[in-house]
Amino acid sequence: MIKKISLVILCLLLTVSCTIQQQRPGTEGMLKNQSSIDGVNTVKTIRTTKDNCEIRSGTGNDSEVIQTVDKGTLLNAVGKSDSWYIVRTENNQIGTVSENDVEPVIDDFKDTQIQGVVRLTAEEQQLVTLVNQERSKANLPPLTVDMDIARVARIKAKDMVDNNYFSHNSPTYGSPFDMLKNHGIKYLHAGENLAGNSSVESAHQALMDSEGHRKNILSPNYTHIGIGAQDSNRYGNIFVELFISKPR
């Protein structure tokens, strides 16, 4: 009798468990709406991941080395042959580099240039100019644009748009300090300003009207800046300002 009662209770528990799972809010029809897609983004830029990275005249480790470049150098990839990227060097030579020595850079920001040339989008440069104008009024030195920091700021701005959030803590990358460290950027001090606005001028003014954001813009601790701007359906634009001071 006890065994029968136990079996009945067990069956009831299993039935309740199944019912709860089936009636969980938000799951109705979920199986009918499942979808997946995949694709490959054309790699136009690669970044070297080792010191004295060798650019060769052909595919294969027995090919002549025509140039060596530092770790972190951006190269223009014009094609790929098996496990070798075909690249165009600064002096307009065509060479190859092993895929084991580089990483692809998937970046669709229209005004970014490679080979170490510092260039921001028009909106990003405008915001840098406004920040440095404020610093000039306060008798502070201008902040130097660092494209490595700008790249992190752009990644954060895009992540905010893609994942529909507005926060210093990214569900993908963590805090801005985590992001800087994980992208190999060393700093003594660091800060981040976020703004969502339809124009650069309005975003900057809103930041200056806020004590905490104005403090970052006018901090004597900071020496370098990176700006990321991204179109946003919700705000018009997302702007990310990253400030750091570099260790001497």
C-alpha atoms as a PDB file:
ATOM      1  CA  MET A   1       0.000   0.000   0.000  1.00  0.00           C
ATOM      2  CA  ILE A   2       2.795   2.404   0.895  1.00  0.00           C
ATOM      3  CA  LYS A   3       4.517   1.623  -2.412  1.00  0.00           C
ATOM      4  CA  LYS A   4       1.316   2.354  -4.330  1.00  0.00           C
ATOM      5  CA  ILE A   5       0.863   5.687  -2.535  1.00  0.00           C
ATOM      6  CA  SER A   6       4.524   6.595  -3.255  1.00  0.00           C
ATOM      7  CA  LEU A   7       4.058   5.790  -6.939  1.00  0.00           C
ATOM      8  CA  VAL A   8       0.917   7.926  -7.085  1.00  0.00           C
ATOM      9  CA  ILE A   9       2.705  10.859  -5.428  1.00  0.00           C
ATOM     10  CA  LEU A  10       5.669  10.458  -7.790  1.00  0.00           C
ATOM     11  CA  CYS A  11       3.351  10.459 -10.826  1.00  0.00           C
ATOM     12  CA  LEU A  12       1.589  13.564  -9.527  1.00  0.00           C
ATOM     13  CA  LEU A  13       4.907  15.341  -9.012  1.00  0.00           C
ATOM     14  CA  LEU A  14       6.026  14.458 -12.537  1.00  0.00           C
ATOM     15  CA  THR A  15       2.699  15.665 -13.936  1.00  0.00           C
ATOM     16  CA  VAL A  16       2.975  18.992 -12.068  1.00  0.00           C
ATOM     17  CA  SER A  17       6.575  19.406 -13.235  1.00  0.00           C
ATOM     18  CA  CYS A  18       5.625  18.792 -16.865  1.00  0.00           C
ATOM     19  CA  THR A  19       2.671  21.172 -16.597  1.00  0.00           C
ATOM     20  CA  ILE A  20       4.828  23.961 -15.180  1.00  0.00           C
ATOM     21  CA  GLN A  21       7.368  23.581 -17.971  1.00  0.00           C
ATOM     22  CA  GLN A  22       4.691  23.547 -20.662  1.00  0.00           C
ATOM     23  CA  GLN A  23       2.957  26.667 -19.288  1.00  0.00           C
ATOM     24  CA  ARG A  24       6.118  28.728 -18.693  1.00  0.00           C
ATOM     25  CA  PRO A  25       5.324  32.298 -19.856  1.00  0.00           C
ATOM     26  CA  GLY A  26       6.696  33.386 -23.191  1.00  0.00           C
ATOM     27  CA  THR A  27       7.291  29.927 -24.625  1.00  0.00           C
ATOM     28  CA  GLU A  28       4.026  29.417 -26.490  1.00  0.00           C
ATOM     29  CA  GLY A  29       4.740  28.514 -30.094  1.00  0.00           C
ATOM     30  CA  MET A  30       8.477  28.840 -29.557  1.00  0.00           C
ATOM     31  CA  LEU A  31       9.282  25.689 -31.511  1.00  0.00           C
ATOM     32  CA  LYS A  32       7.375  27.016 -34.521  1.00  0.00           C
ATOM     33  CA  ASN A  33       9.395  30.247 -34.559  1.00  0.00           C
ATOM     34  CA  GLN A  34      12.923  28.902 -34.246  1.00  0.00           C
ATOM     35  CA  SER A  35      15.311  30.060 -36.965  1.00  0.00           C
ATOM     36  CA  SER A  36      19.034  30.200 -37.576  1.00  0.00           C
ATOM     37  CA  ILE A  37      21.394  31.810 -40.048  1.00  0.00           C
ATOM     38  CA  ASP A  38      25.133  31.901 -40.530  1.00  0.00           C
ATOM     39  CA  GLY A  39      27.518  33.702 -42.817  1.00  0.00           C
ATOM     40  CA  VAL A  40      31.096  34.784 -43.367  1.00  0.00           C
ATOM     41  CA  ASN A  41      32.167  38.411 -43.253  1.00  0.00           C
ATOM     42  CA  THR A  42      34.797  39.342 -45.843  1.00  0.00           C
ATOM     43  CA  VAL A  43      38.051  40.064 -44.034  1.00  0.00           C
ATOM     44  CA  LYS A  44      39.567  43.302 -45.305  1.00  0.00           C
ATOM     45  CA  THR A  45      41.812  44.081 -42.351  1.00  0.00           C
ATOM     46  CA  ILE A  46      43.962  41.831 -40.175  1.00  0.00           C
ATOM     47  CA  ARG A  47      45.980  42.545 -37.034  1.00  0.00           C
ATOM     48  CA  THR A  48      49.295  40.868 -36.244  1.00  0.00           C
ATOM     49  CA  THR A  49      49.348  38.909 -32.991  1.00  0.00           C
ATOM     50  CA  LYS A  50      53.092  38.268 -32.580  1.00  0.00           C
ATOM     51  CA  ASP A  51      56.232  40.391 -32.418  1.00  0.00           C
ATOM     52  CA  ASN A  52      58.410  40.536 -35.539  1.00  0.00           C
ATOM     53  CA  CYS A  53      55.606  39.081 -37.625  1.00  0.00           C
ATOM     54  CA  GLU A  54      57.010  37.982 -40.986  1.00  0.00           C
ATOM     55  CA  ILE A  55      55.523  39.054 -44.303  1.00  0.00           C
ATOM     56  CA  ARG A  56      56.732  36.701 -47.039  1.00  0.00           C
ATOM     57  CA  SER A  57      56.931  36.764 -50.823  1.00  0.00           C
ATOM     58  CA  GLY A  58      54.772  33.640 -51.224  1.00  0.00           C
ATOM     59  CA  THR A  59      52.730  31.032 -49.411  1.00  0.00           C
ATOM     60  CA  GLY A  60      54.944  28.753 -47.366  1.00  0.00           C
ATOM     61  CA  ASN A  61      57.525  29.121 -44.615  1.00  0.00           C
ATOM     62  CA  ASP A  62      60.309  28.635 -47.163  1.00  0.00           C
ATOM     63  CA  SER A  63      59.313  31.845 -49.004  1.00  0.00           C
ATOM     64  CA  GLU A  64      61.523  34.925 -48.691  1.00  0.00           C
ATOM     65  CA  VAL A  65      60.777  37.300 -45.827  1.00  0.00           C
ATOM     66  CA  ILE A  66      60.241  40.741 -47.382  1.00  0.00           C
ATOM     67  CA  GLN A  67      59.282  42.623 -44.209  1.00  0.00           C
ATOM     68  CA  THR A  68      58.746  42.184 -40.465  1.00  0.00           C
ATOM     69  CA  VAL A  69      56.168  44.194 -38.518  1.00  0.00           C
ATOM     70  CA  ASP A  70      55.362  44.717 -34.849  1.00  0.00           C
ATOM     71  CA  LYS A  71      52.596  42.995 -32.931  1.00  0.00           C
ATOM     72  CA  GLY A  72      49.299  44.860 -33.302  1.00  0.00           C
ATOM     73  CA  THR A  73      50.044  46.191 -36.802  1.00  0.00           C
ATOM     74  CA  LEU A  74      46.977  46.508 -39.041  1.00  0.00           C
ATOM     75  CA  LEU A  75      47.393  45.158 -42.564  1.00  0.00           C
ATOM     76  CA  ASN A  76      45.197  45.421 -45.640  1.00  0.00           C
ATOM     77  CA  ALA A  77      44.087  41.911 -46.639  1.00  0.00           C
ATOM     78  CA  VAL A  78      43.450  41.650 -50.379  1.00  0.00           C
ATOM     79  CA  GLY A  79      42.836  37.900 -50.503  1.00  0.00           C
ATOM     80  CA  LYS A  80      43.501  34.511 -48.961  1.00  0.00           C
ATOM     81  CA  SER A  81      45.213  31.353 -50.201  1.00  0.00           C
ATOM     82  CA  ASP A  82      44.739  28.305 -47.984  1.00  0.00           C
ATOM     83  CA  SER A  83      46.156  29.297 -44.577  1.00  0.00           C
ATOM     84  CA  TRP A  84      47.867  32.477 -45.841  1.00  0.00           C
ATOM     85  CA  TYR A  85      46.507  36.001 -46.092  1.00  0.00           C
ATOM     86  CA  ILE A  86      47.608  38.047 -49.092  1.00  0.00           C
ATOM     87  CA  VAL A  87      48.377  41.565 -47.851  1.00  0.00           C
ATOM     88  CA  ARG A  88      49.386  44.944 -49.198  1.00  0.00           C
ATOM     89  CA  THR A  89      52.161  46.583 -47.167  1.00  0.00           C
ATOM     90  CA  GLU A  90      52.779  50.269 -46.441  1.00  0.00           C
ATOM     91  CA  ASN A  91      55.233  50.537 -49.351  1.00  0.00           C
ATOM     92  CA  ASN A  92      52.598  49.012 -51.663  1.00  0.00           C
ATOM     93  CA  GLN A  93      54.242  45.589 -51.828  1.00  0.00           C
ATOM     94  CA  ILE A  94      52.148  42.442 -52.062  1.00  0.00           C
ATOM     95  CA  GLY A  95      53.092  39.725 -49.595  1.00  0.00           C
ATOM     96  CA  THR A  96      51.657  36.941 -47.487  1.00  0.00           C
ATOM     97  CA  VAL A  97      51.307  36.302 -43.782  1.00  0.00           C
ATOM     98  CA  SER A  98      50.314  33.104 -41.997  1.00  0.00           C
ATOM     99  CA  GLU A  99      46.811  33.048 -40.526  1.00  0.00           C
ATOM    100  CA  ASN A 100      48.414  31.701 -37.329  1.00  0.00           C
ATOM    101  CA  ASP A 101      50.190  35.037 -36.816  1.00  0.00           C
ATOM    102  CA  VAL A 102      47.208  37.368 -37.266  1.00  0.00           C
ATOM    103  CA  GLU A 103      43.563  37.879 -36.330  1.00  0.00           C
ATOM    104  CA  PRO A 104      40.802  39.234 -38.571  1.00  0.00           C
ATOM    105  CA  VAL A 105      39.377  42.655 -37.810  1.00  0.00           C
ATOM    106  CA  ILE A 106      35.701  42.871 -38.684  1.00  0.00           C
ATOM    107  CA  ASP A 107      34.976  46.593 -38.635  1.00  0.00           C
ATOM    108  CA  ASP A 108      32.504  48.407 -40.830  1.00  0.00           C
ATOM    109  CA  PHE A 109      33.136  51.928 -39.553  1.00  0.00           C
ATOM    110  CA  LYS A 110      33.339  53.844 -42.789  1.00  0.00           C
ATOM    111  CA  ASP A 111      36.122  56.309 -42.048  1.00  0.00           C
ATOM    112  CA  THR A 112      38.583  54.024 -40.292  1.00  0.00           C
ATOM    113  CA  GLN A 113      41.963  53.725 -41.991  1.00  0.00           C
ATOM    114  CA  ILE A 114      44.681  51.153 -41.429  1.00  0.00           C
ATOM    115  CA  GLN A 115      48.474  51.157 -41.113  1.00  0.00           C
ATOM    116  CA  GLY A 116      48.414  53.295 -37.959  1.00  0.00           C
ATOM    117  CA  VAL A 117      46.860  56.412 -39.522  1.00  0.00           C
ATOM    118  CA  VAL A 118      44.703  58.075 -36.884  1.00  0.00           C
ATOM    119  CA  ARG A 119      41.347  58.887 -38.380  1.00  0.00           C
ATOM    120  CA  LEU A 120      37.902  59.064 -36.823  1.00  0.00           C
ATOM    121  CA  THR A 121      34.481  59.395 -38.342  1.00  0.00           C
ATOM    122  CA  ALA A 122      33.251  62.971 -38.738  1.00  0.00           C
ATOM    123  CA  GLU A 123      30.956  62.613 -35.693  1.00  0.00           C
ATOM    124  CA  GLU A 124      33.690  61.113 -33.536  1.00  0.00           C
ATOM    125  CA  GLN A 125      36.181  63.822 -34.488  1.00  0.00           C
ATOM    126  CA  GLN A 126      33.602  66.526 -33.793  1.00  0.00           C
ATOM    127  CA  LEU A 127      33.070  65.176 -30.293  1.00  0.00           C
ATOM    128  CA  VAL A 128      36.829  65.070 -29.648  1.00  0.00           C
ATOM    129  CA  THR A 129      37.053  68.700 -30.784  1.00  0.00           C
ATOM    130  CA  LEU A 130      34.256  69.753 -28.420  1.00  0.00           C
ATOM    131  CA  VAL A 131      35.871  67.900 -25.513  1.00  0.00           C
ATOM    132  CA  ASN A 132      39.236  69.555 -26.121  1.00  0.00           C
ATOM    133  CA  GLN A 133      37.604  72.983 -26.468  1.00  0.00           C
ATOM    134  CA  GLU A 134      36.152  72.547 -22.994  1.00  0.00           C
ATOM    135  CA  ARG A 135      39.542  71.496 -21.659  1.00  0.00           C
ATOM    136  CA  SER A 136      41.165  74.537 -23.263  1.00  0.00           C
ATOM    137  CA  LYS A 137      38.670  76.828 -21.514  1.00  0.00           C
ATOM    138  CA  ALA A 138      39.673  75.186 -18.213  1.00  0.00           C
ATOM    139  CA  ASN A 139      43.409  75.609 -18.991  1.00  0.00           C
ATOM    140  CA  LEU A 140      43.854  71.862 -19.328  1.00  0.00           C
ATOM    141  CA  PRO A 141      45.961  70.127 -22.001  1.00  0.00           C
ATOM    142  CA  PRO A 142      44.066  68.539 -24.906  1.00  0.00           C
ATOM    143  CA  LEU A 143      43.471  64.807 -24.933  1.00  0.00           C
ATOM    144  CA  THR A 144      45.307  62.765 -27.562  1.00  0.00           C
ATOM    145  CA  VAL A 145      43.231  60.474 -29.744  1.00  0.00           C
ATOM    146  CA  ASP A 146      44.237  56.825 -29.431  1.00  0.00           C
ATOM    147  CA  MET A 147      42.737  54.589 -32.116  1.00  0.00           C
ATOM    148  CA  ASP A 148      43.100  51.462 -29.968  1.00  0.00           C
ATOM    149  CA  ILE A 149      40.885  53.111 -27.360  1.00  0.00           C
ATOM    150  CA  ALA A 150      38.548  54.338 -30.096  1.00  0.00           C
ATOM    151  CA  ARG A 151      38.206  50.779 -31.337  1.00  0.00           C
ATOM    152  CA  VAL A 152      37.069  49.642 -27.867  1.00  0.00           C
ATOM    153  CA  ALA A 153      34.633  52.578 -27.677  1.00  0.00           C
ATOM    154  CA  ARG A 154      33.186  51.608 -31.067  1.00  0.00           C
ATOM    155  CA  ILE A 155      32.791  47.990 -30.021  1.00  0.00           C
ATOM    156  CA  LYS A 156      30.949  49.138 -26.879  1.00  0.00           C
ATOM    157  CA  ALA A 157      28.677  51.496 -28.851  1.00  0.00           C
ATOM    158  CA  LYS A 158      27.776  48.752 -31.326  1.00  0.00           C
ATOM    159  CA  ASP A 159      27.171  46.278 -28.510  1.00  0.00           C
ATOM    160  CA  MET A 160      24.769  48.718 -26.838  1.00  0.00           C
ATOM    161  CA  VAL A 161      22.781  49.067 -30.057  1.00  0.00           C
ATOM    162  CA  ASP A 162      22.840  45.377 -30.931  1.00  0.00           C
ATOM    163  CA  ASN A 163      21.761  44.282 -27.455  1.00  0.00           C
ATOM    164  CA  ASN A 164      19.430  47.210 -26.743  1.00  0.00           C
ATOM    165  CA  TYR A 165      20.831  48.386 -23.409  1.00  0.00           C
ATOM    166  CA  PHE A 166      22.232  51.596 -21.957  1.00  0.00           C
ATOM    167  CA  SER A 167      24.727  50.873 -19.216  1.00  0.00           C
ATOM    168  CA  HIS A 168      28.401  51.019 -18.357  1.00  0.00           C
ATOM    169  CA  ASN A 169      28.292  47.257 -17.789  1.00  0.00           C
ATOM    170  CA  SER A 170      27.993  45.294 -21.008  1.00  0.00           C
ATOM    171  CA  PRO A 171      26.304  41.885 -20.910  1.00  0.00           C
ATOM    172  CA  THR A 172      28.881  40.851 -23.521  1.00  0.00           C
ATOM    173  CA  TYR A 173      32.136  42.463 -22.380  1.00  0.00           C
ATOM    174  CA  GLY A 174      31.652  43.449 -18.739  1.00  0.00           C
ATOM    175  CA  SER A 175      32.727  46.840 -17.385  1.00  0.00           C
ATOM    176  CA  PRO A 176      34.654  49.402 -19.483  1.00  0.00           C
ATOM    177  CA  PHE A 177      37.692  48.583 -17.345  1.00  0.00           C
ATOM    178  CA  ASP A 178      37.346  44.905 -18.232  1.00  0.00           C
ATOM    179  CA  MET A 179      37.057  45.833 -21.911  1.00  0.00           C
ATOM    180  CA  LEU A 180      40.204  47.979 -21.861  1.00  0.00           C
ATOM    181  CA  LYS A 181      42.212  45.285 -20.100  1.00  0.00           C
ATOM    182  CA  ASN A 182      40.916  42.518 -22.351  1.00  0.00           C
ATOM    183  CA  HIS A 183      41.931  44.527 -25.423  1.00  0.00           C
ATOM    184  CA  GLY A 184      45.461  44.941 -24.091  1.00  0.00           C
ATOM    185  CA  ILE A 185      45.200  48.625 -23.135  1.00  0.00           C
ATOM    186  CA  LYS A 186      47.190  49.582 -20.046  1.00  0.00           C
ATOM    187  CA  TYR A 187      46.122  52.585 -17.996  1.00  0.00           C
ATOM    188  CA  LEU A 188      46.551  54.309 -14.661  1.00  0.00           C
ATOM    189  CA  HIS A 189      43.151  56.006 -14.674  1.00  0.00           C
ATOM    190  CA  ALA A 190      40.154  55.311 -16.883  1.00  0.00           C
ATOM    191  CA  GLY A 191      36.640  56.666 -17.300  1.00  0.00           C
ATOM    192  CA  GLU A 192      33.678  56.312 -19.622  1.00  0.00           C
ATOM    193  CA  ASN A 193      30.893  58.672 -20.686  1.00  0.00           C
ATOM    194  CA  LEU A 194      27.800  57.446 -22.503  1.00  0.00           C
ATOM    195  CA  ALA A 195      25.265  59.538 -24.390  1.00  0.00           C
ATOM    196  CA  GLY A 196      22.268  58.804 -26.550  1.00  0.00           C
ATOM    197  CA  ASN A 197      21.210  61.742 -28.673  1.00  0.00           C
ATOM    198  CA  SER A 198      20.264  62.824 -32.176  1.00  0.00           C
ATOM    199  CA  SER A 199      23.276  65.121 -32.626  1.00  0.00           C
ATOM    200  CA  VAL A 200      26.863  65.465 -31.480  1.00  0.00           C
ATOM    201  CA  GLU A 201      26.280  68.981 -30.115  1.00  0.00           C
ATOM    202  CA  SER A 202      23.254  67.947 -28.048  1.00  0.00           C
ATOM    203  CA  ALA A 203      25.049  64.890 -26.700  1.00  0.00           C
ATOM    204  CA  HIS A 204      28.070  66.959 -25.678  1.00  0.00           C
ATOM    205  CA  GLN A 205      25.945  69.622 -24.004  1.00  0.00           C
ATOM    206  CA  ALA A 206      24.013  67.003 -22.058  1.00  0.00           C
ATOM    207  CA  LEU A 207      27.278  65.523 -20.824  1.00  0.00           C
ATOM    208  CA  MET A 208      28.620  68.936 -19.818  1.00  0.00           C
ATOM    209  CA  ASP A 209      25.394  69.655 -17.903  1.00  0.00           C
ATOM    210  CA  SER A 210      25.946  66.534 -15.800  1.00  0.00           C
ATOM    211  CA  GLU A 211      28.435  66.828 -12.941  1.00  0.00           C
ATOM    212  CA  GLY A 212      29.855  63.302 -13.208  1.00  0.00           C
ATOM    213  CA  HIS A 213      30.266  63.391 -16.987  1.00  0.00           C
ATOM    214  CA  ARG A 214      31.734  66.911 -16.928  1.00  0.00           C
ATOM    215  CA  LYS A 215      34.228  65.711 -14.316  1.00  0.00           C
ATOM    216  CA  ASN A 216      35.525  63.069 -16.729  1.00  0.00           C
ATOM    217  CA  ILE A 217      35.777  65.552 -19.612  1.00  0.00           C
ATOM    218  CA  LEU A 218      37.708  68.043 -17.467  1.00  0.00           C
ATOM    219  CA  SER A 219      39.768  65.602 -15.422  1.00  0.00           C
ATOM    220  CA  PRO A 220      43.475  66.495 -15.279  1.00  0.00           C
ATOM    221  CA  ASN A 221      44.199  62.789 -14.780  1.00  0.00           C
ATOM    222  CA  TYR A 222      43.406  61.831 -18.368  1.00  0.00           C
ATOM    223  CA  THR A 223      45.790  62.092 -21.299  1.00  0.00           C
ATOM    224  CA  HIS A 224      44.131  60.063 -24.084  1.00  0.00           C
ATOM    225  CA  ILE A 225      40.652  59.625 -25.504  1.00  0.00           C
ATOM    226  CA  GLY A 226      38.773  57.279 -27.807  1.00  0.00           C
ATOM    227  CA  ILE A 227      35.314  57.980 -29.206  1.00  0.00           C
ATOM    228  CA  GLY A 228      32.834  55.475 -30.598  1.00  0.00           C
ATOM    229  CA  ALA A 229      29.669  56.547 -32.426  1.00  0.00           C
ATOM    230  CA  GLN A 230      26.940  54.232 -33.659  1.00  0.00           C
ATOM    231  CA  ASP A 231      23.545  54.846 -35.305  1.00  0.00           C
ATOM    232  CA  SER A 232      20.675  53.956 -32.991  1.00  0.00           C
ATOM    233  CA  ASN A 233      16.975  53.609 -33.794  1.00  0.00           C
ATOM    234  CA  ARG A 234      16.177  54.388 -30.174  1.00  0.00           C
ATOM    235  CA  TYR A 235      18.329  57.467 -29.587  1.00  0.00           C
ATOM    236  CA  GLY A 236      19.455  58.575 -33.044  1.00  0.00           C
ATOM    237  CA  ASN A 237      23.082  57.956 -32.064  1.00  0.00           C
ATOM    238  CA  ILE A 238      24.994  56.255 -29.277  1.00  0.00           C
ATOM    239  CA  PHE A 239      28.214  57.977 -28.255  1.00  0.00           C
ATOM    240  CA  VAL A 240      30.873  56.342 -26.081  1.00  0.00           C
ATOM    241  CA  GLU A 241      33.724  58.440 -24.696  1.00  0.00           C
ATOM    242  CA  LEU A 242      36.613  56.478 -23.177  1.00  0.00           C
ATOM    243  CA  PHE A 243      39.285  58.373 -21.235  1.00  0.00           C
ATOM    244  CA  ILE A 244      42.572  56.993 -19.916  1.00  0.00           C
ATOM    245  CA  SER A 245      45.904  58.078 -18.593  1.00  0.00           C
ATOM    246  CA  LYS A 246      48.746  55.901 -19.827  1.00  0.00           C
ATOM    247  CA  PRO A 247      51.484  54.624 -17.526  1.00  0.00           C
ATOM    248  CA  ARG A 248      54.803  56.355 -18.089  1.00  0.00           C
END
